[in-house]
N, C-alpha and C. Protein backbone atom coordinates (compact mmCIF):
# COMPACT_ATOMS: atom_id res chain seq x y z
N PHE A 1 -14.28 -76.06 135.73
CA PHE A 1 -15.70 -75.82 135.54
C PHE A 1 -16.05 -76.12 134.09
N GLU A 2 -17.25 -76.59 133.88
CA GLU A 2 -17.76 -76.86 132.54
C GLU A 2 -18.70 -75.71 132.17
N PHE A 3 -18.38 -75.02 131.09
CA PHE A 3 -19.18 -73.89 130.62
C PHE A 3 -19.67 -74.17 129.20
N ASN A 4 -20.84 -73.66 128.89
CA ASN A 4 -21.34 -73.56 127.52
C ASN A 4 -21.57 -74.88 126.81
N ARG A 5 -21.84 -75.95 127.54
CA ARG A 5 -22.32 -77.15 126.87
C ARG A 5 -23.79 -76.90 126.61
N PHE A 6 -24.19 -77.04 125.38
CA PHE A 6 -25.52 -76.62 124.98
C PHE A 6 -26.02 -77.62 123.96
N SER A 7 -27.26 -77.95 124.00
CA SER A 7 -27.79 -78.95 123.08
C SER A 7 -28.14 -78.36 121.72
N GLU A 8 -28.12 -77.06 121.58
CA GLU A 8 -28.42 -76.44 120.30
C GLU A 8 -27.14 -76.04 119.59
N GLU A 9 -27.20 -75.96 118.27
CA GLU A 9 -26.06 -75.50 117.49
C GLU A 9 -25.96 -73.98 117.57
N ALA A 10 -24.75 -73.48 117.65
CA ALA A 10 -24.55 -72.03 117.61
C ALA A 10 -24.71 -71.57 116.17
N GLU A 11 -24.96 -70.29 116.02
CA GLU A 11 -25.17 -69.75 114.69
C GLU A 11 -23.86 -69.63 113.93
N TYR A 12 -23.99 -69.52 112.63
CA TYR A 12 -22.87 -69.37 111.72
C TYR A 12 -22.72 -67.90 111.36
N ILE A 13 -21.51 -67.39 111.41
CA ILE A 13 -21.27 -66.00 111.01
C ILE A 13 -21.08 -66.00 109.49
N PRO A 14 -21.93 -65.29 108.77
CA PRO A 14 -21.79 -65.29 107.30
C PRO A 14 -20.50 -64.60 106.88
N GLY A 15 -19.89 -65.13 105.86
CA GLY A 15 -18.64 -64.57 105.36
C GLY A 15 -18.87 -63.60 104.21
N PHE A 16 -17.82 -62.97 103.76
CA PHE A 16 -17.91 -62.11 102.59
C PHE A 16 -16.53 -62.01 101.96
N GLU A 17 -16.51 -61.59 100.72
CA GLU A 17 -15.25 -61.40 100.00
C GLU A 17 -15.16 -59.95 99.58
N GLN A 18 -13.94 -59.44 99.57
CA GLN A 18 -13.74 -58.04 99.21
C GLN A 18 -12.41 -57.93 98.47
N ASP A 19 -12.41 -57.22 97.36
CA ASP A 19 -11.17 -56.95 96.64
C ASP A 19 -10.69 -55.56 97.01
N GLY A 20 -9.40 -55.37 96.99
CA GLY A 20 -8.86 -54.06 97.32
C GLY A 20 -7.41 -53.97 96.89
N ILE A 21 -6.83 -52.81 97.08
CA ILE A 21 -5.43 -52.55 96.72
C ILE A 21 -4.73 -52.01 97.95
N LEU A 22 -3.53 -52.54 98.23
CA LEU A 22 -2.76 -52.08 99.38
C LEU A 22 -2.14 -50.72 99.08
N ASN A 23 -1.91 -49.92 100.12
CA ASN A 23 -1.28 -48.61 99.94
C ASN A 23 0.24 -48.78 99.79
N GLN A 24 0.97 -47.70 99.73
CA GLN A 24 2.42 -47.73 99.54
C GLN A 24 3.15 -48.46 100.68
N GLN A 25 2.57 -48.47 101.88
CA GLN A 25 3.18 -49.17 103.00
C GLN A 25 2.76 -50.64 103.05
N GLY A 26 1.99 -51.10 102.08
CA GLY A 26 1.54 -52.49 102.05
C GLY A 26 0.41 -52.78 103.02
N GLN A 27 -0.43 -51.79 103.29
CA GLN A 27 -1.50 -51.93 104.27
C GLN A 27 -2.85 -51.58 103.65
N ASP A 28 -3.88 -52.10 104.27
CA ASP A 28 -5.25 -51.75 103.92
C ASP A 28 -6.11 -52.06 105.13
N THR A 29 -7.29 -51.52 105.18
CA THR A 29 -8.22 -51.77 106.28
C THR A 29 -9.46 -52.44 105.73
N VAL A 30 -9.85 -53.51 106.39
CA VAL A 30 -11.07 -54.21 106.02
C VAL A 30 -12.02 -54.12 107.19
N GLN A 31 -13.24 -53.70 106.93
CA GLN A 31 -14.23 -53.60 107.99
C GLN A 31 -15.34 -54.61 107.73
N TYR A 32 -15.73 -55.30 108.80
CA TYR A 32 -16.81 -56.27 108.73
C TYR A 32 -17.68 -56.09 109.96
N ALA A 33 -18.95 -55.87 109.76
CA ALA A 33 -19.86 -55.68 110.89
C ALA A 33 -20.44 -57.03 111.30
N ILE A 34 -20.22 -57.42 112.54
CA ILE A 34 -20.81 -58.64 113.07
C ILE A 34 -22.32 -58.41 113.19
N PRO A 35 -23.14 -59.31 112.63
CA PRO A 35 -24.59 -59.11 112.75
C PRO A 35 -25.03 -59.01 114.20
N GLU A 36 -25.89 -58.03 114.50
CA GLU A 36 -26.32 -57.79 115.88
C GLU A 36 -27.30 -58.83 116.39
N ASP A 37 -27.93 -59.58 115.49
CA ASP A 37 -28.97 -60.52 115.92
C ASP A 37 -28.43 -61.94 116.14
N LEU A 38 -27.11 -62.11 116.23
CA LEU A 38 -26.55 -63.43 116.50
C LEU A 38 -26.94 -63.88 117.90
N THR A 39 -27.29 -65.14 118.04
CA THR A 39 -27.61 -65.70 119.34
C THR A 39 -26.84 -66.99 119.53
N GLY A 40 -26.71 -67.41 120.75
CA GLY A 40 -26.02 -68.66 121.04
C GLY A 40 -25.65 -68.72 122.50
N PRO A 41 -25.11 -69.86 122.92
CA PRO A 41 -24.83 -70.06 124.33
C PRO A 41 -23.57 -69.39 124.84
N GLY A 42 -22.65 -69.02 124.00
CA GLY A 42 -21.39 -68.51 124.52
C GLY A 42 -20.66 -67.64 123.54
N LYS A 43 -19.54 -68.15 123.03
CA LYS A 43 -18.70 -67.40 122.12
C LYS A 43 -18.75 -68.06 120.75
N LEU A 44 -18.65 -67.24 119.72
CA LEU A 44 -18.45 -67.76 118.37
C LEU A 44 -17.00 -67.48 118.00
N ARG A 45 -16.38 -68.44 117.36
CA ARG A 45 -15.02 -68.25 116.89
C ARG A 45 -15.06 -68.07 115.38
N GLY A 46 -14.28 -67.13 114.90
CA GLY A 46 -14.20 -66.90 113.47
C GLY A 46 -12.76 -66.75 113.04
N THR A 47 -12.55 -66.80 111.74
CA THR A 47 -11.22 -66.60 111.17
C THR A 47 -11.35 -65.69 109.97
N ALA A 48 -10.52 -64.67 109.93
CA ALA A 48 -10.44 -63.79 108.76
C ALA A 48 -9.24 -64.26 107.94
N ASP A 49 -9.50 -64.66 106.71
CA ASP A 49 -8.45 -65.15 105.80
C ASP A 49 -8.14 -64.07 104.77
N PHE A 50 -6.85 -63.84 104.54
CA PHE A 50 -6.43 -62.82 103.59
C PHE A 50 -5.48 -63.44 102.59
N THR A 51 -5.74 -63.20 101.32
CA THR A 51 -4.84 -63.63 100.26
C THR A 51 -4.51 -62.40 99.42
N PHE A 52 -3.24 -62.14 99.23
CA PHE A 52 -2.85 -61.00 98.42
C PHE A 52 -1.57 -61.34 97.69
N PHE A 53 -1.19 -60.49 96.76
CA PHE A 53 -0.02 -60.72 95.93
C PHE A 53 1.00 -59.61 96.20
N ASP A 54 2.27 -60.02 96.33
CA ASP A 54 3.29 -58.98 96.51
C ASP A 54 3.67 -58.43 95.14
N ASN A 55 4.62 -57.48 95.10
CA ASN A 55 4.94 -56.83 93.83
C ASN A 55 5.67 -57.73 92.85
N THR A 56 6.03 -58.97 93.24
CA THR A 56 6.62 -59.92 92.28
C THR A 56 5.55 -60.88 91.76
N GLY A 57 4.30 -60.76 92.28
CA GLY A 57 3.22 -61.63 91.85
C GLY A 57 3.07 -62.88 92.71
N ARG A 58 3.90 -63.03 93.73
CA ARG A 58 3.83 -64.19 94.62
C ARG A 58 2.60 -64.07 95.52
N THR A 59 1.90 -65.20 95.71
CA THR A 59 0.71 -65.23 96.57
C THR A 59 1.13 -65.31 98.03
N ILE A 60 0.53 -64.47 98.84
CA ILE A 60 0.79 -64.47 100.28
C ILE A 60 -0.55 -64.66 100.99
N TYR A 61 -0.54 -65.55 101.97
CA TYR A 61 -1.77 -65.88 102.70
C TYR A 61 -1.56 -65.61 104.17
N ARG A 62 -2.55 -64.98 104.79
CA ARG A 62 -2.52 -64.73 106.23
C ARG A 62 -3.92 -65.00 106.79
N ALA A 63 -3.96 -65.40 108.05
CA ALA A 63 -5.24 -65.64 108.73
C ALA A 63 -5.17 -65.07 110.14
N GLN A 64 -6.29 -64.58 110.62
CA GLN A 64 -6.38 -64.04 111.97
C GLN A 64 -7.68 -64.52 112.59
N SER A 65 -7.56 -65.17 113.77
CA SER A 65 -8.75 -65.65 114.47
C SER A 65 -9.33 -64.54 115.34
N PHE A 66 -10.64 -64.64 115.62
CA PHE A 66 -11.30 -63.69 116.51
C PHE A 66 -12.46 -64.40 117.20
N GLN A 67 -12.94 -63.80 118.28
CA GLN A 67 -14.08 -64.33 119.01
C GLN A 67 -15.14 -63.26 119.13
N VAL A 68 -16.40 -63.70 119.11
CA VAL A 68 -17.54 -62.81 119.31
C VAL A 68 -18.25 -63.28 120.58
N GLN A 69 -18.34 -62.39 121.57
CA GLN A 69 -19.04 -62.70 122.82
C GLN A 69 -20.54 -62.55 122.58
N LEU A 70 -21.30 -63.63 122.84
CA LEU A 70 -22.74 -63.57 122.63
C LEU A 70 -23.52 -63.38 123.92
N GLN A 71 -22.85 -63.54 125.06
CA GLN A 71 -23.53 -63.43 126.35
C GLN A 71 -22.78 -62.46 127.25
N GLU A 72 -23.51 -61.85 128.16
CA GLU A 72 -22.90 -60.97 129.15
C GLU A 72 -22.42 -61.76 130.37
N HIS A 73 -23.03 -62.92 130.62
CA HIS A 73 -22.72 -63.75 131.78
C HIS A 73 -22.77 -65.21 131.38
N TYR A 74 -22.02 -66.04 132.09
CA TYR A 74 -22.00 -67.48 131.84
C TYR A 74 -22.16 -68.21 133.17
N VAL A 75 -22.70 -69.42 133.09
CA VAL A 75 -22.83 -70.26 134.27
C VAL A 75 -22.00 -71.52 134.06
N GLY A 76 -21.46 -72.07 135.15
CA GLY A 76 -20.61 -73.25 135.03
C GLY A 76 -20.81 -74.23 136.17
N ILE A 77 -20.40 -75.47 135.92
CA ILE A 77 -20.51 -76.57 136.88
C ILE A 77 -19.15 -77.22 137.02
N LYS A 78 -18.82 -77.57 138.25
CA LYS A 78 -17.60 -78.33 138.50
C LYS A 78 -17.99 -79.58 139.28
N ILE A 79 -17.63 -80.74 138.72
CA ILE A 79 -17.89 -82.00 139.43
C ILE A 79 -16.55 -82.66 139.72
N PRO A 80 -16.44 -83.38 140.83
CA PRO A 80 -15.15 -83.91 141.25
C PRO A 80 -14.75 -85.22 140.55
N GLY A 81 -15.32 -85.52 139.43
CA GLY A 81 -14.99 -86.74 138.69
C GLY A 81 -16.12 -87.11 137.77
N ARG A 82 -16.10 -88.34 137.29
CA ARG A 82 -17.16 -88.80 136.38
C ARG A 82 -17.89 -90.02 136.92
N TYR A 83 -17.23 -90.84 137.74
CA TYR A 83 -17.81 -92.07 138.26
C TYR A 83 -17.82 -92.03 139.79
N PHE A 84 -18.98 -92.37 140.38
CA PHE A 84 -19.14 -92.26 141.82
C PHE A 84 -19.87 -93.47 142.36
N PRO A 85 -19.60 -93.85 143.62
CA PRO A 85 -20.35 -94.95 144.25
C PRO A 85 -21.74 -94.48 144.70
N ARG A 86 -22.66 -95.40 144.73
CA ARG A 86 -24.03 -95.13 145.16
C ARG A 86 -24.06 -94.91 146.67
N ASP A 87 -24.99 -94.13 147.15
CA ASP A 87 -25.24 -93.86 148.56
C ASP A 87 -24.10 -93.12 149.27
N GLU A 88 -23.25 -92.44 148.52
CA GLU A 88 -22.21 -91.60 149.12
C GLU A 88 -22.43 -90.16 148.68
N PRO A 89 -22.29 -89.19 149.59
CA PRO A 89 -22.56 -87.80 149.23
C PRO A 89 -21.58 -87.26 148.19
N LEU A 90 -22.12 -86.48 147.27
CA LEU A 90 -21.32 -85.81 146.23
C LEU A 90 -21.47 -84.31 146.40
N GLN A 91 -20.41 -83.58 146.11
CA GLN A 91 -20.43 -82.12 146.16
C GLN A 91 -20.17 -81.58 144.76
N PHE A 92 -21.04 -80.67 144.32
CA PHE A 92 -20.87 -80.00 143.04
C PHE A 92 -20.70 -78.51 143.31
N GLU A 93 -19.98 -77.83 142.42
CA GLU A 93 -19.85 -76.39 142.55
C GLU A 93 -20.48 -75.72 141.35
N LEU A 94 -21.26 -74.66 141.60
CA LEU A 94 -21.90 -73.87 140.56
C LEU A 94 -21.38 -72.45 140.65
N VAL A 95 -21.16 -71.82 139.49
CA VAL A 95 -20.60 -70.48 139.48
C VAL A 95 -21.18 -69.69 138.32
N ALA A 96 -21.23 -68.37 138.48
CA ALA A 96 -21.59 -67.45 137.40
C ALA A 96 -20.39 -66.53 137.19
N ILE A 97 -20.03 -66.29 135.92
CA ILE A 97 -18.89 -65.44 135.60
C ILE A 97 -19.25 -64.47 134.48
N ASP A 98 -18.41 -63.44 134.31
CA ASP A 98 -18.56 -62.54 133.18
C ASP A 98 -17.58 -62.98 132.09
N PRO A 99 -17.59 -62.35 130.91
CA PRO A 99 -16.70 -62.78 129.82
C PRO A 99 -15.20 -62.71 130.15
N GLU A 100 -14.82 -61.95 131.19
CA GLU A 100 -13.40 -61.87 131.59
C GLU A 100 -13.08 -62.88 132.69
N ASP A 101 -13.97 -63.86 132.90
CA ASP A 101 -13.79 -64.93 133.90
C ASP A 101 -13.79 -64.43 135.34
N ARG A 102 -14.43 -63.30 135.60
CA ARG A 102 -14.56 -62.82 136.97
C ARG A 102 -15.87 -63.33 137.55
N ALA A 103 -15.82 -63.82 138.78
CA ALA A 103 -17.03 -64.31 139.44
C ALA A 103 -18.04 -63.18 139.56
N LEU A 104 -19.29 -63.53 139.38
CA LEU A 104 -20.35 -62.54 139.27
C LEU A 104 -21.41 -62.77 140.34
N PRO A 105 -21.59 -61.83 141.28
CA PRO A 105 -22.64 -61.99 142.29
C PRO A 105 -23.99 -61.49 141.77
N GLY A 106 -25.06 -62.04 142.35
CA GLY A 106 -26.40 -61.54 142.11
C GLY A 106 -27.12 -62.06 140.88
N LEU A 107 -26.59 -63.08 140.20
CA LEU A 107 -27.24 -63.62 139.02
C LEU A 107 -28.16 -64.77 139.42
N ALA A 108 -29.43 -64.71 139.02
CA ALA A 108 -30.39 -65.76 139.35
C ALA A 108 -30.19 -66.95 138.42
N MET A 109 -30.06 -68.14 139.03
CA MET A 109 -29.81 -69.37 138.27
C MET A 109 -30.73 -70.47 138.76
N GLU A 110 -30.99 -71.43 137.90
CA GLU A 110 -31.75 -72.62 138.27
C GLU A 110 -30.89 -73.84 137.98
N TYR A 111 -30.88 -74.78 138.90
CA TYR A 111 -30.16 -76.03 138.63
C TYR A 111 -31.11 -77.20 138.81
N ALA A 112 -30.78 -78.29 138.12
CA ALA A 112 -31.58 -79.51 138.20
C ALA A 112 -30.65 -80.70 138.15
N VAL A 113 -30.98 -81.73 138.93
CA VAL A 113 -30.27 -83.01 138.87
C VAL A 113 -31.26 -84.00 138.28
N ILE A 114 -30.84 -84.66 137.20
CA ILE A 114 -31.72 -85.53 136.44
C ILE A 114 -31.15 -86.94 136.42
N TYR A 115 -31.99 -87.91 136.75
CA TYR A 115 -31.63 -89.33 136.67
C TYR A 115 -32.10 -89.82 135.31
N GLN A 116 -31.16 -90.37 134.54
CA GLN A 116 -31.47 -90.86 133.20
C GLN A 116 -31.56 -92.39 133.24
N ARG A 117 -32.74 -92.88 133.03
CA ARG A 117 -32.99 -94.32 133.13
C ARG A 117 -33.12 -94.90 131.73
N TYR A 118 -32.46 -96.03 131.53
CA TYR A 118 -32.55 -96.75 130.26
C TYR A 118 -33.17 -98.12 130.53
N ARG A 119 -34.24 -98.40 129.82
CA ARG A 119 -34.92 -99.69 130.01
C ARG A 119 -34.88 -100.45 128.70
N PRO A 120 -34.53 -101.72 128.78
CA PRO A 120 -34.49 -102.51 127.54
C PRO A 120 -35.91 -102.88 127.09
N SER A 121 -36.10 -102.87 125.81
CA SER A 121 -37.33 -103.38 125.22
C SER A 121 -36.96 -104.02 123.88
N TYR A 122 -37.86 -104.78 123.35
CA TYR A 122 -37.58 -105.49 122.10
C TYR A 122 -38.56 -105.03 121.04
N ARG A 123 -38.05 -104.94 119.83
CA ARG A 123 -38.87 -104.57 118.69
C ARG A 123 -38.73 -105.66 117.64
N LEU A 124 -39.83 -106.11 117.09
CA LEU A 124 -39.82 -107.15 116.07
C LEU A 124 -39.68 -106.49 114.71
N THR A 125 -38.62 -106.83 114.01
CA THR A 125 -38.39 -106.33 112.66
C THR A 125 -38.23 -107.54 111.76
N ARG A 126 -39.17 -107.73 110.88
CA ARG A 126 -39.23 -108.92 110.02
C ARG A 126 -39.19 -110.16 110.89
N ASP A 127 -38.13 -110.92 110.84
CA ASP A 127 -38.03 -112.15 111.62
C ASP A 127 -37.07 -112.02 112.79
N PHE A 128 -36.68 -110.78 113.13
CA PHE A 128 -35.67 -110.59 114.16
C PHE A 128 -36.22 -109.75 115.31
N LEU A 129 -35.79 -110.09 116.50
CA LEU A 129 -36.05 -109.23 117.65
C LEU A 129 -34.83 -108.35 117.84
N ILE A 130 -35.06 -107.07 117.96
CA ILE A 130 -33.97 -106.11 118.14
C ILE A 130 -34.11 -105.48 119.52
N LEU A 131 -33.01 -105.48 120.27
CA LEU A 131 -32.99 -104.86 121.58
C LEU A 131 -32.89 -103.35 121.42
N VAL A 132 -33.80 -102.62 122.04
CA VAL A 132 -33.83 -101.17 121.96
C VAL A 132 -33.82 -100.62 123.38
N GLN A 133 -32.96 -99.63 123.62
CA GLN A 133 -32.92 -98.97 124.93
C GLN A 133 -33.84 -97.77 124.92
N GLN A 134 -34.82 -97.75 125.80
CA GLN A 134 -35.72 -96.61 125.91
C GLN A 134 -35.25 -95.74 127.07
N LYS A 135 -35.03 -94.47 126.76
CA LYS A 135 -34.53 -93.54 127.77
C LYS A 135 -35.68 -92.75 128.37
N SER A 136 -35.66 -92.64 129.69
CA SER A 136 -36.59 -91.76 130.38
C SER A 136 -35.79 -90.95 131.39
N GLU A 137 -36.30 -89.77 131.72
CA GLU A 137 -35.60 -88.90 132.65
C GLU A 137 -36.51 -88.56 133.82
N GLN A 138 -35.92 -88.54 135.00
CA GLN A 138 -36.64 -88.18 136.22
C GLN A 138 -35.88 -87.06 136.91
N ILE A 139 -36.53 -85.94 137.13
CA ILE A 139 -35.90 -84.81 137.81
C ILE A 139 -35.92 -85.09 139.30
N LEU A 140 -34.73 -85.23 139.89
CA LEU A 140 -34.63 -85.52 141.32
C LEU A 140 -34.61 -84.26 142.17
N VAL A 141 -33.96 -83.23 141.66
CA VAL A 141 -33.85 -81.95 142.39
C VAL A 141 -33.97 -80.83 141.37
N ARG A 142 -34.74 -79.82 141.70
CA ARG A 142 -34.78 -78.58 140.90
C ARG A 142 -34.90 -77.44 141.89
N ASP A 143 -33.99 -76.47 141.77
CA ASP A 143 -33.99 -75.37 142.72
C ASP A 143 -33.38 -74.14 142.05
N THR A 144 -33.61 -72.99 142.63
CA THR A 144 -32.99 -71.76 142.15
C THR A 144 -32.03 -71.24 143.21
N LEU A 145 -31.08 -70.46 142.76
CA LEU A 145 -30.14 -69.83 143.68
C LEU A 145 -29.65 -68.53 143.06
N ILE A 146 -29.12 -67.68 143.89
CA ILE A 146 -28.54 -66.40 143.45
C ILE A 146 -27.03 -66.51 143.65
N SER A 147 -26.28 -66.22 142.58
CA SER A 147 -24.82 -66.33 142.68
C SER A 147 -24.28 -65.35 143.71
N THR A 148 -23.23 -65.79 144.40
CA THR A 148 -22.66 -65.00 145.49
C THR A 148 -21.33 -64.34 145.13
N GLY A 149 -20.81 -64.59 143.95
CA GLY A 149 -19.51 -64.05 143.58
C GLY A 149 -18.39 -65.04 143.80
N LYS A 150 -18.74 -66.24 144.26
CA LYS A 150 -17.76 -67.32 144.39
C LYS A 150 -18.51 -68.63 144.16
N PRO A 151 -17.80 -69.73 143.89
CA PRO A 151 -18.49 -71.00 143.64
C PRO A 151 -19.37 -71.41 144.82
N GLN A 152 -20.57 -71.90 144.49
CA GLN A 152 -21.52 -72.36 145.50
C GLN A 152 -21.63 -73.87 145.43
N ARG A 153 -21.63 -74.50 146.57
CA ARG A 153 -21.67 -75.96 146.63
C ARG A 153 -23.09 -76.46 146.83
N ILE A 154 -23.41 -77.52 146.11
CA ILE A 154 -24.65 -78.25 146.36
C ILE A 154 -24.27 -79.70 146.60
N SER A 155 -25.07 -80.38 147.39
CA SER A 155 -24.79 -81.77 147.74
C SER A 155 -25.89 -82.68 147.22
N LEU A 156 -25.51 -83.90 146.92
CA LEU A 156 -26.46 -84.91 146.44
C LEU A 156 -25.95 -86.27 146.88
N THR A 157 -26.84 -87.13 147.33
CA THR A 157 -26.50 -88.51 147.65
C THR A 157 -27.34 -89.41 146.74
N PRO A 158 -26.75 -89.90 145.63
CA PRO A 158 -27.53 -90.71 144.69
C PRO A 158 -27.94 -92.06 145.29
N GLU A 159 -29.21 -92.39 145.12
CA GLU A 159 -29.72 -93.66 145.64
C GLU A 159 -29.69 -94.77 144.60
N PHE A 160 -29.66 -94.40 143.32
CA PHE A 160 -29.74 -95.38 142.25
C PHE A 160 -28.46 -95.40 141.43
N ALA A 161 -28.06 -96.57 140.99
CA ALA A 161 -26.96 -96.67 140.04
C ALA A 161 -27.49 -96.25 138.67
N GLY A 162 -26.63 -95.63 137.87
CA GLY A 162 -27.05 -95.23 136.52
C GLY A 162 -26.43 -93.92 136.11
N ASN A 163 -27.01 -93.33 135.07
CA ASN A 163 -26.52 -92.09 134.48
C ASN A 163 -27.28 -90.90 135.05
N TYR A 164 -26.54 -89.84 135.31
CA TYR A 164 -27.12 -88.61 135.86
C TYR A 164 -26.63 -87.42 135.04
N ARG A 165 -27.40 -86.35 135.09
CA ARG A 165 -27.01 -85.08 134.48
C ARG A 165 -27.36 -83.97 135.47
N ILE A 166 -26.42 -83.05 135.66
CA ILE A 166 -26.71 -81.84 136.42
C ILE A 166 -26.68 -80.69 135.43
N GLN A 167 -27.76 -79.90 135.43
CA GLN A 167 -27.88 -78.76 134.53
C GLN A 167 -27.96 -77.49 135.35
N ILE A 168 -27.44 -76.42 134.79
CA ILE A 168 -27.59 -75.10 135.39
C ILE A 168 -27.87 -74.13 134.26
N ARG A 169 -28.75 -73.19 134.53
CA ARG A 169 -29.08 -72.18 133.53
C ARG A 169 -29.44 -70.87 134.19
N ARG A 170 -29.21 -69.80 133.46
CA ARG A 170 -29.70 -68.51 133.90
C ARG A 170 -31.21 -68.53 133.81
N LEU A 171 -31.89 -67.84 134.68
CA LEU A 171 -33.36 -67.84 134.65
C LEU A 171 -33.92 -67.23 133.37
N ASP A 172 -33.15 -66.33 132.73
CA ASP A 172 -33.62 -65.77 131.46
C ASP A 172 -33.37 -66.71 130.29
N GLY A 173 -32.72 -67.85 130.56
CA GLY A 173 -32.50 -68.87 129.53
C GLY A 173 -31.39 -68.57 128.54
N LYS A 174 -30.64 -67.50 128.73
CA LYS A 174 -29.63 -67.12 127.74
C LYS A 174 -28.34 -67.93 127.84
N SER A 175 -28.05 -68.50 128.98
CA SER A 175 -26.82 -69.27 129.14
C SER A 175 -27.13 -70.49 129.98
N GLN A 176 -26.66 -71.63 129.53
CA GLN A 176 -26.86 -72.86 130.29
C GLN A 176 -25.74 -73.83 129.98
N THR A 177 -25.58 -74.80 130.84
CA THR A 177 -24.60 -75.85 130.63
C THR A 177 -25.02 -77.07 131.44
N TYR A 178 -24.31 -78.17 131.22
CA TYR A 178 -24.61 -79.40 131.95
C TYR A 178 -23.34 -80.21 132.10
N ALA A 179 -23.39 -81.17 133.02
CA ALA A 179 -22.30 -82.13 133.20
C ALA A 179 -22.95 -83.48 133.47
N ASP A 180 -22.43 -84.51 132.83
CA ASP A 180 -22.94 -85.87 133.01
C ASP A 180 -22.00 -86.64 133.94
N PHE A 181 -22.58 -87.56 134.72
CA PHE A 181 -21.77 -88.43 135.57
C PHE A 181 -22.51 -89.74 135.76
N GLU A 182 -21.80 -90.75 136.23
CA GLU A 182 -22.36 -92.07 136.43
C GLU A 182 -22.19 -92.51 137.87
N VAL A 183 -23.19 -93.23 138.35
CA VAL A 183 -23.16 -93.77 139.71
C VAL A 183 -23.25 -95.28 139.59
N HIS A 184 -22.35 -95.98 140.29
CA HIS A 184 -22.32 -97.45 140.22
C HIS A 184 -22.65 -98.05 141.57
N SER A 185 -23.13 -99.28 141.53
CA SER A 185 -23.41 -100.00 142.77
C SER A 185 -22.10 -100.43 143.41
N GLN A 186 -22.04 -100.33 144.70
CA GLN A 186 -20.83 -100.76 145.40
C GLN A 186 -20.86 -102.26 145.58
N THR A 187 -19.72 -102.87 145.41
CA THR A 187 -19.60 -104.30 145.69
C THR A 187 -18.67 -104.48 146.88
N LYS A 188 -19.07 -105.29 147.80
CA LYS A 188 -18.25 -105.48 149.01
C LYS A 188 -17.73 -106.89 149.09
């Protein structure tokens, strides 16, 4: 399944520096409060870096990674490949999960299948004609569904060769993802 592909950048967790002294056991506690107003499509990954000196003056460096969950639920898409023939049925699976990857029933979602059309045009720049691809999008299917606690299948039979995108999002807009695929003309 494809989760958390998002066209927006996730937020940056601000860092900080702190000086301190280790106790007799060589330990100390550092507390950092994750800002409550962070937003984003999924998880943020962070790293806590520590540099300290032992009693001989030697520098010791340690790092610990962590994740911050920004959503209570996620939506995902599974497609059976990337390239498909025209006029043949395709099956996609849509799913909603919680942060522990457990399937989640009862979540309202919207999905859309979009045909991305590229048309050539020419632009005159000084004495040269430059080929420019103009992109337009046509929504072929848009529908809502309620998650059932297991992957749900949707079917599509593409009529046109070209680029397609299937998007799924929670109705509250907090989590969304997409998957791109291509449809080619069959040659016999």
